[in-house]
Amino acid sequence: MIHYSNPFTICTSSFAPGIREHMEKSLTQKLSPPQPKPAKPASILLEAEKIVNGERRSDYGPSESFGKMAQVYNELWGGNLTGKDFVRMLMIVKLVRESFKHKRDNLTDLAGYTELLNRLEDENV
């Protein structure tokens, strides 16, 4: 009598190369304990605040950069947008995306753009 230590040896020995490895990997993944999901911040407002005052600001510059974006738009297409208008357009993008499909990112970005618009209003830029 032959003793097989691996149950796949019998049932996969005649399969095409690679099938056995695929089946073993699939079974191992199914038997592995589920990985915990990364914790989300408690509030999208806190997350937006962190983004606006942290990584995005250092990556893209201060809220005044929206005025530069509007300037480029105006020069290319003959518009008369302000930095505030440009932020409002980005808010519209997030609202339309959210109306199509809910994503936390849409709401977080919308909160961030709201804060940036408020800064521009306060600075009267």
C-alpha atoms as a PDB file:
ATOM      1  CA  MET A   1       0.000   0.000   0.000  1.00  0.00           C
ATOM      2  CA  ILE A   2       1.236   3.457  -0.905  1.00  0.00           C
ATOM      3  CA  HIS A   3       0.898   6.256   1.628  1.00  0.00           C
ATOM      4  CA  TYR A   4       0.476   9.769   0.290  1.00  0.00           C
ATOM      5  CA  SER A   5       1.184  12.623   2.683  1.00  0.00           C
ATOM      6  CA  ASN A   6      -0.273  15.199   0.344  1.00  0.00           C
ATOM      7  CA  PRO A   7      -3.908  14.647  -0.761  1.00  0.00           C
ATOM      8  CA  PHE A   8      -3.208  16.536  -4.001  1.00  0.00           C
ATOM      9  CA  THR A   9      -0.651  13.943  -5.104  1.00  0.00           C
ATOM     10  CA  ILE A  10      -3.334  11.458  -6.072  1.00  0.00           C
ATOM     11  CA  CYS A  11      -5.941  13.779  -7.518  1.00  0.00           C
ATOM     12  CA  THR A  12      -3.606  16.077  -9.418  1.00  0.00           C
ATOM     13  CA  SER A  13      -0.822  13.835 -10.588  1.00  0.00           C
ATOM     14  CA  SER A  14      -2.317  13.552 -14.062  1.00  0.00           C
ATOM     15  CA  PHE A  15      -3.308  17.227 -14.417  1.00  0.00           C
ATOM     16  CA  ALA A  16      -1.472  19.622 -16.664  1.00  0.00           C
ATOM     17  CA  PRO A  17       1.591  21.299 -15.154  1.00  0.00           C
ATOM     18  CA  GLY A  18       0.658  24.222 -12.919  1.00  0.00           C
ATOM     19  CA  ILE A  19      -2.823  22.977 -12.002  1.00  0.00           C
ATOM     20  CA  ARG A  20      -1.618  21.233  -8.868  1.00  0.00           C
ATOM     21  CA  GLU A  21       0.218  24.346  -7.671  1.00  0.00           C
ATOM     22  CA  HIS A  22      -2.854  26.472  -8.390  1.00  0.00           C
ATOM     23  CA  MET A  23      -5.118  24.117  -6.423  1.00  0.00           C
ATOM     24  CA  GLU A  24      -2.697  24.024  -3.468  1.00  0.00           C
ATOM     25  CA  LYS A  25      -2.417  27.816  -3.429  1.00  0.00           C
ATOM     26  CA  SER A  26      -6.191  28.184  -3.650  1.00  0.00           C
ATOM     27  CA  LEU A  27      -6.756  25.789  -0.740  1.00  0.00           C
ATOM     28  CA  THR A  28      -4.072  27.481   1.344  1.00  0.00           C
ATOM     29  CA  GLN A  29      -5.665  30.887   0.761  1.00  0.00           C
ATOM     30  CA  LYS A  30      -9.091  29.567   1.725  1.00  0.00           C
ATOM     31  CA  LEU A  31      -7.747  28.018   4.923  1.00  0.00           C
ATOM     32  CA  SER A  32      -5.716  31.085   5.936  1.00  0.00           C
ATOM     33  CA  PRO A  33      -7.310  33.347   8.544  1.00  0.00           C
ATOM     34  CA  PRO A  34      -8.767  36.539   7.069  1.00  0.00           C
ATOM     35  CA  GLN A  35      -6.517  39.574   7.250  1.00  0.00           C
ATOM     36  CA  PRO A  36      -7.851  42.443   9.338  1.00  0.00           C
ATOM     37  CA  LYS A  37      -8.970  45.497   7.386  1.00  0.00           C
ATOM     38  CA  PRO A  38      -7.012  48.670   8.023  1.00  0.00           C
ATOM     39  CA  ALA A  39      -8.785  50.923  10.479  1.00  0.00           C
ATOM     40  CA  LYS A  40     -10.559  53.894   8.946  1.00  0.00           C
ATOM     41  CA  PRO A  41     -10.326  57.274  10.624  1.00  0.00           C
ATOM     42  CA  ALA A  42     -13.315  57.934  12.837  1.00  0.00           C
ATOM     43  CA  SER A  43     -14.467  60.885  10.769  1.00  0.00           C
ATOM     44  CA  ILE A  44     -14.112  62.013   7.175  1.00  0.00           C
ATOM     45  CA  LEU A  45     -13.706  65.521   8.564  1.00  0.00           C
ATOM     46  CA  LEU A  46     -10.624  64.480  10.514  1.00  0.00           C
ATOM     47  CA  GLU A  47      -9.298  62.640   7.499  1.00  0.00           C
ATOM     48  CA  ALA A  48      -9.895  65.662   5.250  1.00  0.00           C
ATOM     49  CA  GLU A  49      -8.189  67.955   7.761  1.00  0.00           C
ATOM     50  CA  LYS A  50      -5.157  65.693   7.839  1.00  0.00           C
ATOM     51  CA  ILE A  51      -4.992  65.608   4.038  1.00  0.00           C
ATOM     52  CA  VAL A  52      -5.519  69.346   3.525  1.00  0.00           C
ATOM     53  CA  ASN A  53      -2.973  70.370   6.151  1.00  0.00           C
ATOM     54  CA  GLY A  54      -0.528  67.549   5.533  1.00  0.00           C
ATOM     55  CA  GLU A  55       0.295  65.471   2.512  1.00  0.00           C
ATOM     56  CA  ARG A  56      -1.714  67.360  -0.130  1.00  0.00           C
ATOM     57  CA  ARG A  57      -0.425  70.745   0.962  1.00  0.00           C
ATOM     58  CA  SER A  58       3.175  69.551   0.816  1.00  0.00           C
ATOM     59  CA  ASP A  59       2.555  67.810  -2.533  1.00  0.00           C
ATOM     60  CA  TYR A  60       0.465  70.471  -4.304  1.00  0.00           C
ATOM     61  CA  GLY A  61       0.996  73.739  -2.469  1.00  0.00           C
ATOM     62  CA  PRO A  62      -1.289  76.042  -0.515  1.00  0.00           C
ATOM     63  CA  SER A  63      -4.902  76.878  -1.354  1.00  0.00           C
ATOM     64  CA  GLU A  64      -3.721  79.863  -3.403  1.00  0.00           C
ATOM     65  CA  SER A  65      -2.566  77.414  -6.089  1.00  0.00           C
ATOM     66  CA  PHE A  66      -6.209  77.192  -7.233  1.00  0.00           C
ATOM     67  CA  GLY A  67      -5.844  80.758  -8.487  1.00  0.00           C
ATOM     68  CA  LYS A  68      -2.957  79.626 -10.665  1.00  0.00           C
ATOM     69  CA  MET A  69      -5.050  76.742 -11.980  1.00  0.00           C
ATOM     70  CA  ALA A  70      -7.832  79.174 -12.860  1.00  0.00           C
ATOM     71  CA  GLN A  71      -5.311  81.439 -14.584  1.00  0.00           C
ATOM     72  CA  VAL A  72      -4.090  78.593 -16.772  1.00  0.00           C
ATOM     73  CA  TYR A  73      -7.675  77.607 -17.598  1.00  0.00           C
ATOM     74  CA  ASN A  74      -8.541  81.206 -18.491  1.00  0.00           C
ATOM     75  CA  GLU A  75      -5.510  81.576 -20.741  1.00  0.00           C
ATOM     76  CA  LEU A  76      -6.201  78.304 -22.545  1.00  0.00           C
ATOM     77  CA  TRP A  77      -9.959  78.652 -22.993  1.00  0.00           C
ATOM     78  CA  GLY A  78     -10.645  82.349 -22.554  1.00  0.00           C
ATOM     79  CA  GLY A  79     -12.610  81.976 -19.347  1.00  0.00           C
ATOM     80  CA  ASN A  80     -12.933  84.271 -16.384  1.00  0.00           C
ATOM     81  CA  LEU A  81     -12.649  81.778 -13.523  1.00  0.00           C
ATOM     82  CA  THR A  82     -11.234  82.572 -10.103  1.00  0.00           C
ATOM     83  CA  GLY A  83      -9.486  80.191  -7.735  1.00  0.00           C
ATOM     84  CA  LYS A  84     -12.769  79.937  -5.807  1.00  0.00           C
ATOM     85  CA  ASP A  85     -14.603  78.980  -9.001  1.00  0.00           C
ATOM     86  CA  PHE A  86     -12.026  76.307  -9.679  1.00  0.00           C
ATOM     87  CA  VAL A  87     -12.502  74.807  -6.200  1.00  0.00           C
ATOM     88  CA  ARG A  88     -16.280  74.875  -6.722  1.00  0.00           C
ATOM     89  CA  MET A  89     -15.840  72.943  -9.985  1.00  0.00           C
ATOM     90  CA  LEU A  90     -13.825  70.270  -8.161  1.00  0.00           C
ATOM     91  CA  MET A  91     -16.580  70.094  -5.538  1.00  0.00           C
ATOM     92  CA  ILE A  92     -19.092  69.529  -8.349  1.00  0.00           C
ATOM     93  CA  VAL A  93     -16.928  66.690  -9.699  1.00  0.00           C
ATOM     94  CA  LYS A  94     -17.026  64.974  -6.293  1.00  0.00           C
ATOM     95  CA  LEU A  95     -20.790  65.511  -5.907  1.00  0.00           C
ATOM     96  CA  VAL A  96     -21.497  64.037  -9.347  1.00  0.00           C
ATOM     97  CA  ARG A  97     -19.236  61.052  -8.672  1.00  0.00           C
ATOM     98  CA  GLU A  98     -20.950  60.475  -5.332  1.00  0.00           C
ATOM     99  CA  SER A  99     -24.363  60.611  -7.006  1.00  0.00           C
ATOM    100  CA  PHE A 100     -23.217  57.806  -9.305  1.00  0.00           C
ATOM    101  CA  LYS A 101     -21.600  55.603  -6.669  1.00  0.00           C
ATOM    102  CA  HIS A 102     -20.810  56.125  -2.998  1.00  0.00           C
ATOM    103  CA  LYS A 103     -17.130  56.210  -2.157  1.00  0.00           C
ATOM    104  CA  ARG A 104     -15.699  57.529   1.063  1.00  0.00           C
ATOM    105  CA  ASP A 105     -13.006  59.319  -0.957  1.00  0.00           C
ATOM    106  CA  ASN A 106     -15.642  61.472  -2.681  1.00  0.00           C
ATOM    107  CA  LEU A 107     -16.954  62.760   0.628  1.00  0.00           C
ATOM    108  CA  THR A 108     -13.516  63.179   2.153  1.00  0.00           C
ATOM    109  CA  ASP A 109     -12.332  65.208  -0.834  1.00  0.00           C
ATOM    110  CA  LEU A 110     -15.552  67.231  -0.810  1.00  0.00           C
ATOM    111  CA  ALA A 111     -14.922  68.113   2.844  1.00  0.00           C
ATOM    112  CA  GLY A 112     -11.350  69.064   1.969  1.00  0.00           C
ATOM    113  CA  TYR A 113     -12.432  71.263  -0.939  1.00  0.00           C
ATOM    114  CA  THR A 114     -15.012  72.898   1.328  1.00  0.00           C
ATOM    115  CA  GLU A 115     -12.241  73.787   3.776  1.00  0.00           C
ATOM    116  CA  LEU A 116     -10.060  75.155   0.981  1.00  0.00           C
ATOM    117  CA  LEU A 117     -12.923  77.251  -0.380  1.00  0.00           C
ATOM    118  CA  ASN A 118     -13.514  78.627   3.099  1.00  0.00           C
ATOM    119  CA  ARG A 119      -9.832  79.596   3.353  1.00  0.00           C
ATOM    120  CA  LEU A 120      -9.999  81.387   0.033  1.00  0.00           C
ATOM    121  CA  GLU A 121     -13.151  83.217   1.144  1.00  0.00           C
ATOM    122  CA  ASP A 122     -11.511  84.210   4.431  1.00  0.00           C
ATOM    123  CA  GLU A 123      -8.413  85.457   2.612  1.00  0.00           C
ATOM    124  CA  ASN A 124     -10.583  87.208   0.015  1.00  0.00           C
ATOM    125  CA  VAL A 125      -8.447  85.725  -2.759  1.00  0.00           C
END
